[in-house]
Amino acid sequence: MAINKQPIARKCRSFDISPAVMGYSNKKSNRNPGGNRRKKVSEYGAQLKEKQKVKFVYGVLEKQFHHYYLKAANMKGVTGDNMLRLLEQRLDNVVYRLGLAKTRRMARQIVVHGHIRVNGQKVDIPSYSVKVGDVITLRPASAEKEMFKSLREGTTVLTPKWLTFDAPNLTGTVNALPAREDIDLQLQENMIVEFYSR
């Protein structure tokens, strides 16, 4: 399984996004500020950068990302919105959105290590796509771990409106499919569609 191990702060700076978007509140990089910025970027360069940004945020590599684009293109509706919806439905992203992990990388590890149950069944595939009505819980032994105790004790978790989180039971429910306005990232998905449509 391929894993992206690129430095978070440097990549955030190159994509002009805050590390807080990735779940890192205390990361920053001051090395060579503005060194990689050109005054003029071609249309192709802007499209490529937008594609790389979305891949970086969701932790998806090229082959899988292109697969999401092809799947979104065959669905009804706007291709860009469909693609973002498919990415939001990934199990590792849902675990992150529910607040069970501080970052998407941490959520991916929690899923791979078998801590997550979907409708009572163990699922250890981060790219598993959740559906409306799915219930995401922790394995009973995992729920007793120190890292999850603060959630149970009433730490406020801001979940998007398509998800609900029951803190005392550490249970999340998928109420609806995510809409474009539920995705709080500053993205231009139309540029990604144009990139792949060349």
C-alpha atoms as a PDB file:
ATOM      1  CA  MET A   1       0.000   0.000   0.000  1.00  0.00           C
ATOM      2  CA  ALA A   2       1.477   3.332  -1.065  1.00  0.00           C
ATOM      3  CA  ILE A   3       1.578   6.099   1.532  1.00  0.00           C
ATOM      4  CA  ASN A   4       2.198   9.797   0.938  1.00  0.00           C
ATOM      5  CA  LYS A   5       4.959  10.924   3.333  1.00  0.00           C
ATOM      6  CA  GLN A   6       5.479  14.451   2.019  1.00  0.00           C
ATOM      7  CA  PRO A   7       6.093  17.171   4.647  1.00  0.00           C
ATOM      8  CA  ILE A   8       2.793  18.734   5.696  1.00  0.00           C
ATOM      9  CA  ALA A   9       3.886  22.336   6.374  1.00  0.00           C
ATOM     10  CA  ARG A  10       5.856  22.682   3.144  1.00  0.00           C
ATOM     11  CA  LYS A  11       3.019  21.268   1.015  1.00  0.00           C
ATOM     12  CA  CYS A  12       0.451  23.500   2.746  1.00  0.00           C
ATOM     13  CA  ARG A  13       2.604  26.533   1.974  1.00  0.00           C
ATOM     14  CA  SER A  14       2.984  25.547  -1.679  1.00  0.00           C
ATOM     15  CA  PHE A  15      -0.807  25.128  -2.046  1.00  0.00           C
ATOM     16  CA  ASP A  16      -1.612  28.306  -0.051  1.00  0.00           C
ATOM     17  CA  ILE A  17      -3.755  26.443   2.469  1.00  0.00           C
ATOM     18  CA  SER A  18      -3.648  26.615   6.250  1.00  0.00           C
ATOM     19  CA  PRO A  19      -2.241  23.575   8.095  1.00  0.00           C
ATOM     20  CA  ALA A  20      -5.392  23.800  10.249  1.00  0.00           C
ATOM     21  CA  VAL A  21      -7.351  22.516   7.220  1.00  0.00           C
ATOM     22  CA  MET A  22      -5.291  19.331   7.500  1.00  0.00           C
ATOM     23  CA  GLY A  23      -5.878  19.119  11.264  1.00  0.00           C
ATOM     24  CA  TYR A  24      -2.488  20.530  12.264  1.00  0.00           C
ATOM     25  CA  SER A  25      -2.869  23.668  14.372  1.00  0.00           C
ATOM     26  CA  ASN A  26       0.789  24.204  15.344  1.00  0.00           C
ATOM     27  CA  LYS A  27       2.690  23.460  12.141  1.00  0.00           C
ATOM     28  CA  LYS A  28       4.404  26.205  10.205  1.00  0.00           C
ATOM     29  CA  SER A  29       7.314  26.570   7.838  1.00  0.00           C
ATOM     30  CA  ASN A  30       9.284  29.799   7.403  1.00  0.00           C
ATOM     31  CA  ARG A  31      12.030  28.378   5.216  1.00  0.00           C
ATOM     32  CA  ASN A  32      12.393  30.247   1.912  1.00  0.00           C
ATOM     33  CA  PRO A  33       9.082  32.157   2.113  1.00  0.00           C
ATOM     34  CA  GLY A  34       7.689  32.855  -1.334  1.00  0.00           C
ATOM     35  CA  GLY A  35      10.612  31.112  -2.997  1.00  0.00           C
ATOM     36  CA  ASN A  36       8.510  28.812  -5.146  1.00  0.00           C
ATOM     37  CA  ARG A  37       5.983  31.428  -6.293  1.00  0.00           C
ATOM     38  CA  ARG A  38       6.028  32.565  -9.868  1.00  0.00           C
ATOM     39  CA  LYS A  39       4.357  35.750 -11.008  1.00  0.00           C
ATOM     40  CA  LYS A  40       2.470  34.089 -13.819  1.00  0.00           C
ATOM     41  CA  VAL A  41       1.054  30.549 -13.855  1.00  0.00           C
ATOM     42  CA  SER A  42      -0.234  28.942 -17.040  1.00  0.00           C
ATOM     43  CA  GLU A  43      -3.765  27.575 -17.263  1.00  0.00           C
ATOM     44  CA  TYR A  44      -2.392  24.031 -17.245  1.00  0.00           C
ATOM     45  CA  GLY A  45      -0.246  24.848 -14.198  1.00  0.00           C
ATOM     46  CA  ALA A  46      -3.232  26.220 -12.279  1.00  0.00           C
ATOM     47  CA  GLN A  47      -5.317  23.134 -13.102  1.00  0.00           C
ATOM     48  CA  LEU A  48      -2.495  20.793 -12.082  1.00  0.00           C
ATOM     49  CA  LYS A  49      -1.986  22.661  -8.803  1.00  0.00           C
ATOM     50  CA  GLU A  50      -5.691  22.410  -7.966  1.00  0.00           C
ATOM     51  CA  LYS A  51      -5.670  18.664  -8.664  1.00  0.00           C
ATOM     52  CA  GLN A  52      -2.555  18.167  -6.533  1.00  0.00           C
ATOM     53  CA  LYS A  53      -4.116  20.205  -3.717  1.00  0.00           C
ATOM     54  CA  VAL A  54      -7.233  18.006  -3.540  1.00  0.00           C
ATOM     55  CA  LYS A  55      -5.114  14.840  -3.697  1.00  0.00           C
ATOM     56  CA  PHE A  56      -2.960  16.162  -0.855  1.00  0.00           C
ATOM     57  CA  VAL A  57      -5.892  17.191   1.369  1.00  0.00           C
ATOM     58  CA  TYR A  58      -7.641  13.821   1.081  1.00  0.00           C
ATOM     59  CA  GLY A  59      -4.435  11.747   1.059  1.00  0.00           C
ATOM     60  CA  VAL A  60      -5.178  10.023  -2.253  1.00  0.00           C
ATOM     61  CA  LEU A  61      -2.573   9.032  -4.836  1.00  0.00           C
ATOM     62  CA  GLU A  62      -2.894   9.609  -8.597  1.00  0.00           C
ATOM     63  CA  LYS A  63      -4.264   6.257  -9.779  1.00  0.00           C
ATOM     64  CA  GLN A  64      -7.044   6.196  -7.190  1.00  0.00           C
ATOM     65  CA  PHE A  65      -7.820   9.888  -7.703  1.00  0.00           C
ATOM     66  CA  HIS A  66      -8.217   9.374 -11.464  1.00  0.00           C
ATOM     67  CA  HIS A  67     -10.524   6.441 -10.712  1.00  0.00           C
ATOM     68  CA  TYR A  68     -12.712   8.789  -8.612  1.00  0.00           C
ATOM     69  CA  TYR A  69     -12.842  11.242 -11.536  1.00  0.00           C
ATOM     70  CA  LEU A  70     -13.928   8.517 -13.993  1.00  0.00           C
ATOM     71  CA  LYS A  71     -16.594   7.287 -11.573  1.00  0.00           C
ATOM     72  CA  ALA A  72     -17.858  10.853 -11.003  1.00  0.00           C
ATOM     73  CA  ALA A  73     -17.985  11.500 -14.767  1.00  0.00           C
ATOM     74  CA  ASN A  74     -20.339   8.509 -15.201  1.00  0.00           C
ATOM     75  CA  MET A  75     -22.705   9.685 -12.444  1.00  0.00           C
ATOM     76  CA  LYS A  76     -25.661  12.032 -12.932  1.00  0.00           C
ATOM     77  CA  GLY A  77     -25.045  15.642 -11.998  1.00  0.00           C
ATOM     78  CA  VAL A  78     -21.989  17.908 -11.989  1.00  0.00           C
ATOM     79  CA  THR A  79     -18.777  15.911 -12.319  1.00  0.00           C
ATOM     80  CA  GLY A  80     -16.738  18.117  -9.956  1.00  0.00           C
ATOM     81  CA  ASP A  81     -19.366  17.986  -7.202  1.00  0.00           C
ATOM     82  CA  ASN A  82     -19.729  14.213  -7.638  1.00  0.00           C
ATOM     83  CA  MET A  83     -15.971  13.732  -7.298  1.00  0.00           C
ATOM     84  CA  LEU A  84     -15.778  15.757  -4.066  1.00  0.00           C
ATOM     85  CA  ARG A  85     -18.785  13.852  -2.724  1.00  0.00           C
ATOM     86  CA  LEU A  86     -17.039  10.520  -3.411  1.00  0.00           C
ATOM     87  CA  LEU A  87     -13.921  11.756  -1.614  1.00  0.00           C
ATOM     88  CA  GLU A  88     -15.966  12.939   1.381  1.00  0.00           C
ATOM     89  CA  GLN A  89     -17.642   9.510   1.610  1.00  0.00           C
ATOM     90  CA  ARG A  90     -14.300   7.753   2.157  1.00  0.00           C
ATOM     91  CA  LEU A  91     -14.248   6.014   5.542  1.00  0.00           C
ATOM     92  CA  ASP A  92     -10.978   7.651   6.630  1.00  0.00           C
ATOM     93  CA  ASN A  93     -12.465  11.094   5.883  1.00  0.00           C
ATOM     94  CA  VAL A  94     -15.677  10.261   7.782  1.00  0.00           C
ATOM     95  CA  VAL A  95     -13.644   9.132  10.823  1.00  0.00           C
ATOM     96  CA  TYR A  96     -11.778  12.469  10.656  1.00  0.00           C
ATOM     97  CA  ARG A  97     -15.000  14.485  10.213  1.00  0.00           C
ATOM     98  CA  LEU A  98     -16.572  12.732  13.222  1.00  0.00           C
ATOM     99  CA  GLY A  99     -13.626  13.868  15.357  1.00  0.00           C
ATOM    100  CA  LEU A 100     -12.361  10.357  16.122  1.00  0.00           C
ATOM    101  CA  ALA A 101      -8.989  11.429  14.675  1.00  0.00           C
ATOM    102  CA  LYS A 102      -7.180  14.767  14.665  1.00  0.00           C
ATOM    103  CA  THR A 103      -5.979  14.441  11.067  1.00  0.00           C
ATOM    104  CA  ARG A 104      -6.896  12.419   7.988  1.00  0.00           C
ATOM    105  CA  ARG A 105      -3.545  10.601   8.215  1.00  0.00           C
ATOM    106  CA  MET A 106      -4.359   9.582  11.765  1.00  0.00           C
ATOM    107  CA  ALA A 107      -7.872   8.522  10.667  1.00  0.00           C
ATOM    108  CA  ARG A 108      -6.361   6.360   7.928  1.00  0.00           C
ATOM    109  CA  GLN A 109      -4.144   4.629  10.494  1.00  0.00           C
ATOM    110  CA  ILE A 110      -7.076   4.075  12.883  1.00  0.00           C
ATOM    111  CA  VAL A 111      -9.036   2.421  10.057  1.00  0.00           C
ATOM    112  CA  VAL A 112      -6.129   0.285   8.805  1.00  0.00           C
ATOM    113  CA  HIS A 113      -5.391  -0.965  12.340  1.00  0.00           C
ATOM    114  CA  GLY A 114      -8.930  -2.340  12.614  1.00  0.00           C
ATOM    115  CA  HIS A 115     -10.383   0.001  15.252  1.00  0.00           C
ATOM    116  CA  ILE A 116     -13.474   0.939  13.196  1.00  0.00           C
ATOM    117  CA  ARG A 117     -16.746  -0.939  12.741  1.00  0.00           C
ATOM    118  CA  VAL A 118     -19.332  -0.055  10.085  1.00  0.00           C
ATOM    119  CA  ASN A 119     -22.789  -1.443  10.926  1.00  0.00           C
ATOM    120  CA  GLY A 120     -21.100  -3.802  13.387  1.00  0.00           C
ATOM    121  CA  GLN A 121     -18.658  -5.220  10.822  1.00  0.00           C
ATOM    122  CA  LYS A 122     -14.908  -4.613  10.914  1.00  0.00           C
ATOM    123  CA  VAL A 123     -13.770  -2.456   7.973  1.00  0.00           C
ATOM    124  CA  ASP A 124     -10.028  -1.786   7.597  1.00  0.00           C
ATOM    125  CA  ILE A 125     -10.091  -0.228   4.120  1.00  0.00           C
ATOM    126  CA  PRO A 126      -9.675   3.594   4.246  1.00  0.00           C
ATOM    127  CA  SER A 127     -11.246   4.044   0.791  1.00  0.00           C
ATOM    128  CA  TYR A 128     -14.445   2.216   1.808  1.00  0.00           C
ATOM    129  CA  SER A 129     -17.376   4.400   0.721  1.00  0.00           C
ATOM    130  CA  VAL A 130     -20.023   4.958   3.396  1.00  0.00           C
ATOM    131  CA  LYS A 131     -23.712   5.043   2.528  1.00  0.00           C
ATOM    132  CA  VAL A 132     -26.732   6.794   4.023  1.00  0.00           C
ATOM    133  CA  GLY A 133     -27.768   5.037   7.231  1.00  0.00           C
ATOM    134  CA  ASP A 134     -24.331   3.553   7.983  1.00  0.00           C
ATOM    135  CA  VAL A 135     -23.362   3.562  11.659  1.00  0.00           C
ATOM    136  CA  ILE A 136     -19.661   4.015  12.443  1.00  0.00           C
ATOM    137  CA  THR A 137     -18.474   2.781  15.835  1.00  0.00           C
ATOM    138  CA  LEU A 138     -15.227   1.855  17.536  1.00  0.00           C
ATOM    139  CA  ARG A 139     -14.237  -1.686  18.415  1.00  0.00           C
ATOM    140  CA  PRO A 140     -15.203  -2.175  22.109  1.00  0.00           C
ATOM    141  CA  ALA A 141     -11.571  -2.681  23.183  1.00  0.00           C
ATOM    142  CA  SER A 142     -10.490   0.413  21.215  1.00  0.00           C
ATOM    143  CA  ALA A 143     -13.192   2.591  22.813  1.00  0.00           C
ATOM    144  CA  GLU A 144     -11.436   2.170  26.176  1.00  0.00           C
ATOM    145  CA  LYS A 145      -8.161   3.622  24.888  1.00  0.00           C
ATOM    146  CA  GLU A 146      -6.910   6.895  26.321  1.00  0.00           C
ATOM    147  CA  MET A 147      -7.035   8.749  22.983  1.00  0.00           C
ATOM    148  CA  PHE A 148     -10.829   8.367  22.758  1.00  0.00           C
ATOM    149  CA  LYS A 149     -11.690   9.100  26.417  1.00  0.00           C
ATOM    150  CA  SER A 150     -11.719  12.892  25.925  1.00  0.00           C
ATOM    151  CA  LEU A 151     -14.403  12.500  23.233  1.00  0.00           C
ATOM    152  CA  ARG A 152     -16.614  10.512  25.555  1.00  0.00           C
ATOM    153  CA  GLU A 153     -16.192  13.061  28.343  1.00  0.00           C
ATOM    154  CA  GLY A 154     -17.940  15.729  26.307  1.00  0.00           C
ATOM    155  CA  THR A 155     -15.318  17.366  24.120  1.00  0.00           C
ATOM    156  CA  THR A 156     -17.225  19.366  21.512  1.00  0.00           C
ATOM    157  CA  VAL A 157     -16.878  17.955  18.004  1.00  0.00           C
ATOM    158  CA  LEU A 158     -18.015  20.082  15.062  1.00  0.00           C
ATOM    159  CA  THR A 159     -19.419  17.592  12.585  1.00  0.00           C
ATOM    160  CA  PRO A 160     -20.867  18.503   9.182  1.00  0.00           C
ATOM    161  CA  LYS A 161     -24.654  18.426   8.956  1.00  0.00           C
ATOM    162  CA  TRP A 162     -24.683  15.184   6.928  1.00  0.00           C
ATOM    163  CA  LEU A 163     -23.173  13.357   9.943  1.00  0.00           C
ATOM    164  CA  THR A 164     -24.244  13.041  13.581  1.00  0.00           C
ATOM    165  CA  PHE A 165     -21.973  12.033  16.441  1.00  0.00           C
ATOM    166  CA  ASP A 166     -23.115  10.492  19.728  1.00  0.00           C
ATOM    167  CA  ALA A 167     -20.197  11.314  22.064  1.00  0.00           C
ATOM    168  CA  PRO A 168     -21.111   9.115  25.082  1.00  0.00           C
ATOM    169  CA  ASN A 169     -21.341   6.029  22.843  1.00  0.00           C
ATOM    170  CA  LEU A 170     -18.620   7.157  20.377  1.00  0.00           C
ATOM    171  CA  THR A 171     -21.002   6.447  17.504  1.00  0.00           C
ATOM    172  CA  GLY A 172     -21.394   8.312  14.230  1.00  0.00           C
ATOM    173  CA  THR A 173     -24.270   8.066  11.767  1.00  0.00           C
ATOM    174  CA  VAL A 174     -24.389   9.018   8.085  1.00  0.00           C
ATOM    175  CA  ASN A 175     -27.686  10.920   7.722  1.00  0.00           C
ATOM    176  CA  ALA A 176     -27.324  12.006   4.097  1.00  0.00           C
ATOM    177  CA  LEU A 177     -24.835  12.252   1.271  1.00  0.00           C
ATOM    178  CA  PRO A 178     -22.568  15.299   1.526  1.00  0.00           C
ATOM    179  CA  ALA A 179     -23.555  18.311  -0.576  1.00  0.00           C
ATOM    180  CA  ARG A 180     -21.059  20.739  -2.129  1.00  0.00           C
ATOM    181  CA  GLU A 181     -21.848  23.424   0.457  1.00  0.00           C
ATOM    182  CA  ASP A 182     -20.961  20.955   3.250  1.00  0.00           C
ATOM    183  CA  ILE A 183     -17.355  20.831   2.047  1.00  0.00           C
ATOM    184  CA  ASP A 184     -15.588  23.712   3.757  1.00  0.00           C
ATOM    185  CA  LEU A 185     -12.427  23.647   1.619  1.00  0.00           C
ATOM    186  CA  GLN A 186     -11.624  26.433  -0.852  1.00  0.00           C
ATOM    187  CA  LEU A 187     -11.475  24.291  -4.005  1.00  0.00           C
ATOM    188  CA  GLN A 188     -12.113  24.880  -7.700  1.00  0.00           C
ATOM    189  CA  GLU A 189     -13.204  21.418  -8.748  1.00  0.00           C
ATOM    190  CA  ASN A 190     -14.105  22.629 -12.242  1.00  0.00           C
ATOM    191  CA  MET A 191     -10.374  23.101 -12.918  1.00  0.00           C
ATOM    192  CA  ILE A 192      -9.747  19.440 -12.070  1.00  0.00           C
ATOM    193  CA  VAL A 193     -12.471  18.374 -14.497  1.00  0.00           C
ATOM    194  CA  GLU A 194     -10.890  20.580 -17.175  1.00  0.00           C
ATOM    195  CA  PHE A 195      -7.480  19.041 -16.426  1.00  0.00           C
ATOM    196  CA  TYR A 196      -8.728  15.495 -17.002  1.00  0.00           C
ATOM    197  CA  SER A 197     -10.843  16.543 -19.996  1.00  0.00           C
ATOM    198  CA  ARG A 198      -7.827  17.739 -22.008  1.00  0.00           C
END
